[in-house]
C-alpha atoms as a PDB file:
ATOM      1  CA  MET A   1      16.460  35.292  26.165  1.00  0.00           C
ATOM      2  CA  ASN A   2      14.623  34.650  29.505  1.00  0.00           C
ATOM      3  CA  PHE A   3      13.569  31.671  31.397  1.00  0.00           C
ATOM      4  CA  GLU A   4      10.243  31.664  30.033  1.00  0.00           C
ATOM      5  CA  ASN A   5      11.556  32.182  26.245  1.00  0.00           C
ATOM      6  CA  MET A   6      13.912  29.510  26.833  1.00  0.00           C
ATOM      7  CA  ALA A   7      11.492  26.923  27.914  1.00  0.00           C
ATOM      8  CA  LEU A   8       9.352  27.794  25.172  1.00  0.00           C
ATOM      9  CA  SER A   9      12.074  27.138  22.291  1.00  0.00           C
ATOM     10  CA  LEU A  10      12.721  24.294  24.158  1.00  0.00           C
ATOM     11  CA  GLY A  11       9.685  22.590  24.487  1.00  0.00           C
ATOM     12  CA  HIS A  12       8.988  23.662  20.811  1.00  0.00           C
ATOM     13  CA  PHE A  13      12.155  21.939  20.039  1.00  0.00           C
ATOM     14  CA  PHE A  14      11.431  18.905  21.535  1.00  0.00           C
ATOM     15  CA  LEU A  15       7.662  18.493  19.806  1.00  0.00           C
ATOM     16  CA  MET A  16       9.639  19.470  16.373  1.00  0.00           C
ATOM     17  CA  PHE A  17      11.798  16.690  17.073  1.00  0.00           C
ATOM     18  CA  LEU A  18       9.095  14.082  17.855  1.00  0.00           C
ATOM     19  CA  ARG A  19       7.885  14.439  14.772  1.00  0.00           C
ATOM     20  CA  VAL A  20      11.183  14.609  12.820  1.00  0.00           C
ATOM     21  CA  SER A  21      12.250  11.344  14.403  1.00  0.00           C
ATOM     22  CA  ALA A  22       8.904   9.354  14.105  1.00  0.00           C
ATOM     23  CA  ILE A  23       9.241   9.875  10.244  1.00  0.00           C
ATOM     24  CA  PHE A  24      12.888   8.518  10.352  1.00  0.00           C
ATOM     25  CA  THR A  25      12.159   5.850  12.773  1.00  0.00           C
ATOM     26  CA  ILE A  26       9.361   4.297  10.366  1.00  0.00           C
ATOM     27  CA  SER A  27      10.555   5.364   6.859  1.00  0.00           C
ATOM     28  CA  PRO A  28      11.215   3.241   3.933  1.00  0.00           C
ATOM     29  CA  VAL A  29      14.498   4.785   3.437  1.00  0.00           C
ATOM     30  CA  PHE A  30      15.613   6.358   6.659  1.00  0.00           C
ATOM     31  CA  GLY A  31      13.964   3.866   9.224  1.00  0.00           C
ATOM     32  CA  ARG A  32      15.661   0.812   7.686  1.00  0.00           C
ATOM     33  CA  ARG A  33      17.236  -1.532  10.746  1.00  0.00           C
ATOM     34  CA  ASN A  34      20.589  -1.345   8.859  1.00  0.00           C
ATOM     35  CA  VAL A  35      20.908   2.518   9.227  1.00  0.00           C
ATOM     36  CA  PRO A  36      22.333   2.822  12.895  1.00  0.00           C
ATOM     37  CA  SER A  37      19.927   4.398  15.402  1.00  0.00           C
ATOM     38  CA  VAL A  38      23.228   7.165  16.230  1.00  0.00           C
ATOM     39  CA  ALA A  39      22.740   8.384  12.416  1.00  0.00           C
ATOM     40  CA  LYS A  40      18.749   8.354  12.846  1.00  0.00           C
ATOM     41  CA  ALA A  41      18.886  10.767  15.892  1.00  0.00           C
ATOM     42  CA  GLY A  42      21.967  12.874  14.464  1.00  0.00           C
ATOM     43  CA  LEU A  43      19.722  13.377  11.226  1.00  0.00           C
ATOM     44  CA  SER A  44      16.761  13.893  13.451  1.00  0.00           C
ATOM     45  CA  LEU A  45      18.353  16.785  15.854  1.00  0.00           C
ATOM     46  CA  LEU A  46      20.137  18.120  12.517  1.00  0.00           C
ATOM     47  CA  LEU A  47      16.785  19.093  10.579  1.00  0.00           C
ATOM     48  CA  THR A  48      14.977  19.912  14.049  1.00  0.00           C
ATOM     49  CA  ALA A  49      17.597  22.572  14.676  1.00  0.00           C
ATOM     50  CA  ILE A  50      17.577  23.751  10.899  1.00  0.00           C
ATOM     51  CA  LEU A  51      13.430  23.661  11.039  1.00  0.00           C
ATOM     52  CA  ILE A  52      13.208  25.723  13.931  1.00  0.00           C
ATOM     53  CA  THR A  53      14.657  28.467  12.296  1.00  0.00           C
ATOM     54  CA  VAL A  54      12.160  28.656   9.755  1.00  0.00           C
ATOM     55  CA  TYR A  55       9.361  27.632  11.656  1.00  0.00           C
ATOM     56  CA  PRO A  56       9.915  29.040  15.578  1.00  0.00           C
ATOM     57  CA  PRO A  57       7.096  29.357  18.221  1.00  0.00           C
ATOM     58  CA  GLN A  58       4.584  31.857  17.349  1.00  0.00           C
ATOM     59  CA  GLU A  59       3.050  32.533  20.761  1.00  0.00           C
ATOM     60  CA  ASN A  60       3.426  31.137  24.239  1.00  0.00           C
ATOM     61  CA  PRO A  61       0.785  28.326  24.741  1.00  0.00           C
ATOM     62  CA  ASP A  62      -0.505  28.126  28.422  1.00  0.00           C
ATOM     63  CA  ARG A  63      -0.093  24.178  28.575  1.00  0.00           C
ATOM     64  CA  SER A  64       0.023  21.911  31.659  1.00  0.00           C
ATOM     65  CA  LEU A  65       1.478  18.736  31.742  1.00  0.00           C
ATOM     66  CA  LEU A  66      -0.947  16.776  30.214  1.00  0.00           C
ATOM     67  CA  GLU A  67      -1.697  19.263  27.736  1.00  0.00           C
ATOM     68  CA  PHE A  68       2.025  18.862  26.940  1.00  0.00           C
ATOM     69  CA  PHE A  69       1.934  15.205  26.775  1.00  0.00           C
ATOM     70  CA  VAL A  70      -1.325  15.050  24.490  1.00  0.00           C
ATOM     71  CA  ALA A  71       0.702  17.557  22.409  1.00  0.00           C
ATOM     72  CA  CYS A  72       3.588  14.852  22.345  1.00  0.00           C
ATOM     73  CA  ILE A  73       1.691  12.388  20.974  1.00  0.00           C
ATOM     74  CA  LYS A  74       0.258  14.440  18.382  1.00  0.00           C
ATOM     75  CA  GLN A  75       3.654  14.875  17.044  1.00  0.00           C
ATOM     76  CA  ILE A  76       4.206  11.315  16.940  1.00  0.00           C
ATOM     77  CA  THR A  77       1.055  10.430  15.526  1.00  0.00           C
ATOM     78  CA  VAL A  78       1.905  13.059  12.431  1.00  0.00           C
ATOM     79  CA  GLY A  79       5.303  11.352  12.026  1.00  0.00           C
ATOM     80  CA  LEU A  80       3.842   7.919  11.723  1.00  0.00           C
ATOM     81  CA  VAL A  81       1.321   9.051   9.738  1.00  0.00           C
ATOM     82  CA  VAL A  82       3.876  10.078   7.023  1.00  0.00           C
ATOM     83  CA  GLY A  83       5.968   7.142   7.503  1.00  0.00           C
ATOM     84  CA  ILE A  84       3.435   4.288   7.313  1.00  0.00           C
ATOM     85  CA  THR A  85       1.642   5.900   4.168  1.00  0.00           C
ATOM     86  CA  THR A  86       5.497   5.921   2.311  1.00  0.00           C
ATOM     87  CA  THR A  87       5.961   2.136   3.886  1.00  0.00           C
ATOM     88  CA  CYS A  88       2.731   1.097   2.339  1.00  0.00           C
ATOM     89  CA  PHE A  89       3.640   2.266  -1.246  1.00  0.00           C
ATOM     90  CA  PHE A  90       7.013   0.350  -0.675  1.00  0.00           C
ATOM     91  CA  ALA A  91       5.249  -2.718   0.229  1.00  0.00           C
ATOM     92  CA  ALA A  92       3.225  -3.210  -2.396  1.00  0.00           C
ATOM     93  CA  ALA A  93       6.584  -3.694  -4.221  1.00  0.00           C
ATOM     94  CA  ALA A  94       6.911  -6.883  -1.345  1.00  0.00           C
ATOM     95  CA  THR A  95       3.332  -7.913  -1.878  1.00  0.00           C
ATOM     96  CA  ALA A  96       3.607  -8.487  -5.436  1.00  0.00           C
ATOM     97  CA  GLY A  97       7.030 -10.198  -5.498  1.00  0.00           C
ATOM     98  CA  HIS A  98       5.016 -12.732  -3.170  1.00  0.00           C
ATOM     99  CA  VAL A  99       2.542 -13.318  -5.698  1.00  0.00           C
ATOM    100  CA  ILE A 100       5.278 -13.767  -8.163  1.00  0.00           C
ATOM    101  CA  ASP A 101       6.742 -16.213  -5.774  1.00  0.00           C
ATOM    102  CA  ILE A 102       3.573 -17.955  -5.587  1.00  0.00           C
ATOM    103  CA  GLN A 103       3.136 -18.418  -9.347  1.00  0.00           C
ATOM    104  CA  VAL A 104       6.398 -18.969  -9.940  1.00  0.00           C
ATOM    105  CA  GLY A 105       6.775 -21.994  -7.208  1.00  0.00           C
ATOM    106  CA  PHE A 106       9.417 -20.034  -5.087  1.00  0.00           C
ATOM    107  CA  SER A 107       6.906 -19.218  -2.301  1.00  0.00           C
ATOM    108  CA  VAL A 108       8.695 -22.084  -0.195  1.00  0.00           C
ATOM    109  CA  ALA A 109      12.167 -19.795  -0.494  1.00  0.00           C
ATOM    110  CA  SER A 110      12.849 -16.322   1.433  1.00  0.00           C
ATOM    111  CA  THR A 111      15.101 -13.870   2.341  1.00  0.00           C
ATOM    112  CA  PHE A 112      15.854 -11.747   5.374  1.00  0.00           C
ATOM    113  CA  ASP A 113      14.539  -7.925   4.869  1.00  0.00           C
ATOM    114  CA  PRO A 114      16.553  -5.517   7.256  1.00  0.00           C
ATOM    115  CA  GLN A 115      13.817  -3.228   6.831  1.00  0.00           C
ATOM    116  CA  PHE A 116      10.847  -4.870   8.227  1.00  0.00           C
ATOM    117  CA  GLY A 117      13.098  -7.447  10.376  1.00  0.00           C
ATOM    118  CA  THR A 118      11.200 -10.828   8.578  1.00  0.00           C
ATOM    119  CA  GLN A 119      11.667 -12.944   5.678  1.00  0.00           C
ATOM    120  CA  VAL A 120      10.343 -12.145   2.629  1.00  0.00           C
ATOM    121  CA  SER A 121      10.174 -13.539  -0.893  1.00  0.00           C
ATOM    122  CA  LEU A 122      12.991 -13.635  -3.400  1.00  0.00           C
ATOM    123  CA  SER A 123      11.309 -11.543  -6.070  1.00  0.00           C
ATOM    124  CA  GLY A 124      10.044  -8.980  -3.433  1.00  0.00           C
ATOM    125  CA  ASN A 125      13.523  -8.416  -2.194  1.00  0.00           C
ATOM    126  CA  ILE A 126      14.172  -7.963  -6.034  1.00  0.00           C
ATOM    127  CA  LEU A 127      11.352  -5.496  -6.478  1.00  0.00           C
ATOM    128  CA  ASN A 128      11.870  -4.064  -3.425  1.00  0.00           C
ATOM    129  CA  TYR A 129      15.697  -3.098  -3.790  1.00  0.00           C
ATOM    130  CA  ALA A 130      14.920  -1.888  -7.404  1.00  0.00           C
ATOM    131  CA  LEU A 131      12.049   0.744  -5.901  1.00  0.00           C
ATOM    132  CA  LEU A 132      14.651   1.931  -3.431  1.00  0.00           C
ATOM    133  CA  VAL A 133      17.341   2.317  -6.003  1.00  0.00           C
ATOM    134  CA  CYS A 134      14.701   4.792  -8.325  1.00  0.00           C
ATOM    135  CA  PHE A 135      13.514   6.362  -5.229  1.00  0.00           C
ATOM    136  CA  PHE A 136      17.118   7.327  -4.723  1.00  0.00           C
ATOM    137  CA  LEU A 137      17.740   8.227  -8.610  1.00  0.00           C
ATOM    138  CA  ALA A 138      14.649  10.099  -8.489  1.00  0.00           C
ATOM    139  CA  ASP A 139      15.746  12.545  -5.459  1.00  0.00           C
ATOM    140  CA  GLY A 140      12.618  10.645  -3.195  1.00  0.00           C
ATOM    141  CA  HIS A 141      14.777  11.245  -0.845  1.00  0.00           C
ATOM    142  CA  HIS A 142      15.101  14.929  -1.078  1.00  0.00           C
ATOM    143  CA  MET A 143      11.299  15.074  -1.432  1.00  0.00           C
ATOM    144  CA  LEU A 144      10.441  13.354   1.591  1.00  0.00           C
ATOM    145  CA  ILE A 145      12.725  15.773   3.618  1.00  0.00           C
ATOM    146  CA  LYS A 146      10.920  18.478   1.799  1.00  0.00           C
ATOM    147  CA  ILE A 147       7.637  17.037   2.677  1.00  0.00           C
ATOM    148  CA  LEU A 148       8.828  16.807   6.351  1.00  0.00           C
ATOM    149  CA  GLY A 149       9.500  20.720   6.114  1.00  0.00           C
ATOM    150  CA  GLU A 150       6.060  21.627   4.242  1.00  0.00           C
ATOM    151  CA  SER A 151       4.175  19.441   7.403  1.00  0.00           C
ATOM    152  CA  PHE A 152       5.412  22.306   9.678  1.00  0.00           C
ATOM    153  CA  ARG A 153       3.856  24.667   7.489  1.00  0.00           C
ATOM    154  CA  LEU A 154       0.501  23.067   6.649  1.00  0.00           C
ATOM    155  CA  ILE A 155       0.251  21.564   9.986  1.00  0.00           C
ATOM    156  CA  PRO A 156       1.913  23.852  12.962  1.00  0.00           C
ATOM    157  CA  VAL A 157       3.029  22.308  16.032  1.00  0.00           C
ATOM    158  CA  ASP A 158       0.476  23.691  17.835  1.00  0.00           C
ATOM    159  CA  ASN A 159      -2.794  22.884  15.682  1.00  0.00           C
ATOM    160  CA  VAL A 160      -2.850  19.424  15.019  1.00  0.00           C
ATOM    161  CA  ASN A 161      -6.271  17.513  14.961  1.00  0.00           C
ATOM    162  CA  ILE A 162      -6.609  14.151  14.033  1.00  0.00           C
ATOM    163  CA  ARG A 163      -9.881  13.584  12.319  1.00  0.00           C
ATOM    164  CA  PRO A 164     -12.055  10.700  10.967  1.00  0.00           C
ATOM    165  CA  GLU A 165     -11.096  11.673   7.106  1.00  0.00           C
ATOM    166  CA  THR A 166      -7.697  10.542   8.426  1.00  0.00           C
ATOM    167  CA  ALA A 167      -8.915   6.809   8.672  1.00  0.00           C
ATOM    168  CA  MET A 168     -10.883   7.105   5.577  1.00  0.00           C
ATOM    169  CA  ALA A 169      -7.467   8.117   3.903  1.00  0.00           C
ATOM    170  CA  PHE A 170      -5.402   5.504   5.278  1.00  0.00           C
ATOM    171  CA  ALA A 171      -8.339   3.176   4.090  1.00  0.00           C
ATOM    172  CA  GLU A 172      -7.883   4.224   0.562  1.00  0.00           C
ATOM    173  CA  ILE A 173      -4.295   4.118   0.559  1.00  0.00           C
ATOM    174  CA  PHE A 174      -4.195   0.277   1.370  1.00  0.00           C
ATOM    175  CA  ILE A 175      -6.803  -0.329  -1.257  1.00  0.00           C
ATOM    176  CA  LYS A 176      -4.454   1.743  -3.567  1.00  0.00           C
ATOM    177  CA  THR A 177      -1.284  -0.337  -2.722  1.00  0.00           C
ATOM    178  CA  PHE A 178      -3.088  -3.640  -3.046  1.00  0.00           C
ATOM    179  CA  ILE A 179      -4.046  -2.493  -6.364  1.00  0.00           C
ATOM    180  CA  ILE A 180      -0.462  -1.546  -7.229  1.00  0.00           C
ATOM    181  CA  SER A 181       0.817  -5.028  -6.028  1.00  0.00           C
ATOM    182  CA  ILE A 182      -1.796  -6.733  -8.094  1.00  0.00           C
ATOM    183  CA  GLN A 183      -0.771  -4.881 -11.082  1.00  0.00           C
ATOM    184  CA  MET A 184       2.870  -5.217 -10.696  1.00  0.00           C
ATOM    185  CA  ALA A 185       2.374  -8.751 -10.505  1.00  0.00           C
ATOM    186  CA  MET A 186      -0.107  -9.370 -13.609  1.00  0.00           C
ATOM    187  CA  PRO A 187       2.363 -10.212 -16.142  1.00  0.00           C
ATOM    188  CA  VAL A 188       3.643 -13.095 -14.407  1.00  0.00           C
ATOM    189  CA  ILE A 189       0.184 -14.136 -13.396  1.00  0.00           C
ATOM    190  CA  ALA A 190      -0.792 -14.139 -17.043  1.00  0.00           C
ATOM    191  CA  ALA A 191       2.379 -15.957 -18.099  1.00  0.00           C
ATOM    192  CA  SER A 192       1.701 -18.601 -15.343  1.00  0.00           C
ATOM    193  CA  LEU A 193      -2.078 -19.178 -16.264  1.00  0.00           C
ATOM    194  CA  ILE A 194      -1.043 -19.219 -20.213  1.00  0.00           C
ATOM    195  CA  SER A 195       2.019 -21.789 -19.213  1.00  0.00           C
ATOM    196  CA  GLU A 196      -0.555 -24.104 -17.221  1.00  0.00           C
ATOM    197  CA  LEU A 197      -3.349 -23.355 -20.215  1.00  0.00           C
ATOM    198  CA  CYS A 198      -0.813 -25.013 -22.851  1.00  0.00           C
ATOM    199  CA  MET A 199       0.664 -27.364 -20.435  1.00  0.00           C
ATOM    200  CA  GLY A 200      -3.209 -29.038 -19.749  1.00  0.00           C
ATOM    201  CA  ILE A 201      -3.695 -29.038 -23.586  1.00  0.00           C
ATOM    202  CA  LEU A 202      -0.662 -30.687 -24.014  1.00  0.00           C
ATOM    203  CA  MET A 203      -1.129 -33.189 -21.522  1.00  0.00           C
ATOM    204  CA  ARG A 204      -4.752 -33.958 -22.898  1.00  0.00           C
ATOM    205  CA  LEU A 205      -2.683 -34.164 -26.538  1.00  0.00           C
ATOM    206  CA  VAL A 206       0.288 -36.395 -24.944  1.00  0.00           C
ATOM    207  CA  PRO A 207      -0.967 -38.011 -21.967  1.00  0.00           C
ATOM    208  CA  GLN A 208       2.486 -39.832 -21.610  1.00  0.00           C
ATOM    209  CA  ILE A 209       3.877 -36.290 -20.477  1.00  0.00           C
ATOM    210  CA  ASN A 210       4.696 -36.036 -16.770  1.00  0.00           C
ATOM    211  CA  PHE A 211       3.681 -32.751 -15.809  1.00  0.00           C
ATOM    212  CA  PHE A 212       5.597 -32.668 -12.456  1.00  0.00           C
ATOM    213  CA  VAL A 213       9.308 -32.943 -14.677  1.00  0.00           C
ATOM    214  CA  ILE A 214       8.586 -30.794 -17.144  1.00  0.00           C
ATOM    215  CA  GLY A 215       5.507 -28.500 -16.262  1.00  0.00           C
ATOM    216  CA  PHE A 216       7.535 -26.603 -13.244  1.00  0.00           C
ATOM    217  CA  PRO A 217      10.833 -26.248 -15.041  1.00  0.00           C
ATOM    218  CA  VAL A 218       8.630 -24.169 -17.567  1.00  0.00           C
ATOM    219  CA  LYS A 219       6.981 -22.032 -15.175  1.00  0.00           C
ATOM    220  CA  ILE A 220      10.182 -21.204 -13.169  1.00  0.00           C
ATOM    221  CA  ALA A 221      11.926 -20.502 -16.341  1.00  0.00           C
ATOM    222  CA  LEU A 222       8.881 -18.576 -17.979  1.00  0.00           C
ATOM    223  CA  GLY A 223       8.367 -16.756 -14.416  1.00  0.00           C
ATOM    224  CA  LEU A 224      12.047 -15.407 -14.173  1.00  0.00           C
ATOM    225  CA  PHE A 225      12.131 -14.342 -17.788  1.00  0.00           C
ATOM    226  CA  ILE A 226       8.845 -12.232 -17.057  1.00  0.00           C
ATOM    227  CA  LEU A 227      10.440 -10.783 -13.836  1.00  0.00           C
ATOM    228  CA  PHE A 228      13.507  -9.895 -15.396  1.00  0.00           C
ATOM    229  CA  ALA A 229      11.887  -8.652 -18.762  1.00  0.00           C
ATOM    230  CA  MET A 230       9.321  -6.514 -16.775  1.00  0.00           C
ATOM    231  CA  ILE A 231      11.504  -4.442 -14.445  1.00  0.00           C
ATOM    232  CA  PRO A 232      12.676  -1.626 -17.231  1.00  0.00           C
ATOM    233  CA  ALA A 233       9.016  -1.099 -17.299  1.00  0.00           C
ATOM    234  CA  PHE A 234       8.802  -1.284 -13.454  1.00  0.00           C
ATOM    235  CA  VAL A 235      11.799   1.144 -13.448  1.00  0.00           C
ATOM    236  CA  ARG A 236       9.962   3.925 -15.685  1.00  0.00           C
ATOM    237  CA  SER A 237       6.917   3.171 -13.853  1.00  0.00           C
ATOM    238  CA  SER A 238       8.203   4.171 -10.543  1.00  0.00           C
ATOM    239  CA  SER A 239       7.870   7.909 -10.799  1.00  0.00           C
ATOM    240  CA  GLY A 240       4.308   7.473 -11.100  1.00  0.00           C
ATOM    241  CA  LEU A 241       4.272   4.975  -7.917  1.00  0.00           C
ATOM    242  CA  PHE A 242       6.333   7.997  -6.255  1.00  0.00           C
ATOM    243  CA  ASP A 243       3.862  10.574  -7.247  1.00  0.00           C
ATOM    244  CA  ASN A 244       1.194   8.526  -5.679  1.00  0.00           C
ATOM    245  CA  MET A 245       2.949   8.000  -2.592  1.00  0.00           C
ATOM    246  CA  PHE A 246       3.283  11.852  -2.427  1.00  0.00           C
ATOM    247  CA  ASN A 247       0.100  12.881  -3.157  1.00  0.00           C
ATOM    248  CA  ALA A 248      -1.334  10.173  -0.160  1.00  0.00           C
ATOM    249  CA  VAL A 249       0.706  12.004   2.177  1.00  0.00           C
ATOM    250  CA  GLY A 250      -0.579  15.332   1.471  1.00  0.00           C
ATOM    251  CA  SER A 251      -4.316  13.989   1.294  1.00  0.00           C
ATOM    252  CA  MET A 252      -3.272  12.821   5.051  1.00  0.00           C
ATOM    253  CA  PHE A 253      -1.856  15.993   5.875  1.00  0.00           C
ATOM    254  CA  GLU A 254      -5.877  17.574   4.919  1.00  0.00           C
ATOM    255  CA  GLY A 255      -6.976  15.116   7.770  1.00  0.00           C
ATOM    256  CA  MET A 256      -5.115  16.441  10.210  1.00  0.00           C
ATOM    257  CA  VAL A 257      -5.467  20.273  10.123  1.00  0.00           C
ATOM    258  CA  ALA A 258      -7.601  21.453  13.051  1.00  0.00           C
END
């Protein structure tokens, strides 16, 4: 192999590595902060070494230093798009948990989430970890790696074009994930409204009842009961959530093909 071919292969490998590492840096599974950075870098290098045998450099592009820098930015952008898209669907569970805690009365309590490095609601943490377990049980991590490989087939290294359709697809994803989060929290919201209605009627019938003494424990108990009762349905519906997530990634790819 002459020097020119070696430089071409190294440049192609580096561009592929940037895309892979960008996905692993921000993805909801591999990008968690409690995953060692050395493990992320090693896995990124391993997958890049495997993928470059499947998608080798096809031609010798005559790039200047500026053009190579732009190509690096494009590869990072593709990786971040995949990572952010998958993270949005996992964030729907955290958002639903936050809404649930507001209804139940746990909004002042929070726990630390190592994925985002921030404080999250108690219910959001429960739903987030439940969704993460379902993701592994459904072989979602294998599917994510498969999508990573497919990204190089659909969007080759030298054929990346960020179009306005990408921004529109992002907006649709944000709207869809917000609707999903409200749907997740809807059973607890409905139970909370019904309990407040019943307590209001009871206070009208028996004014001597102290709502602050009885109402809050009833709301908390009812909210927790509904939350844990909806976990089996949440687990069963998680496959549909993952299908929406991977379809959303596919729609993002359509907006980045030159």
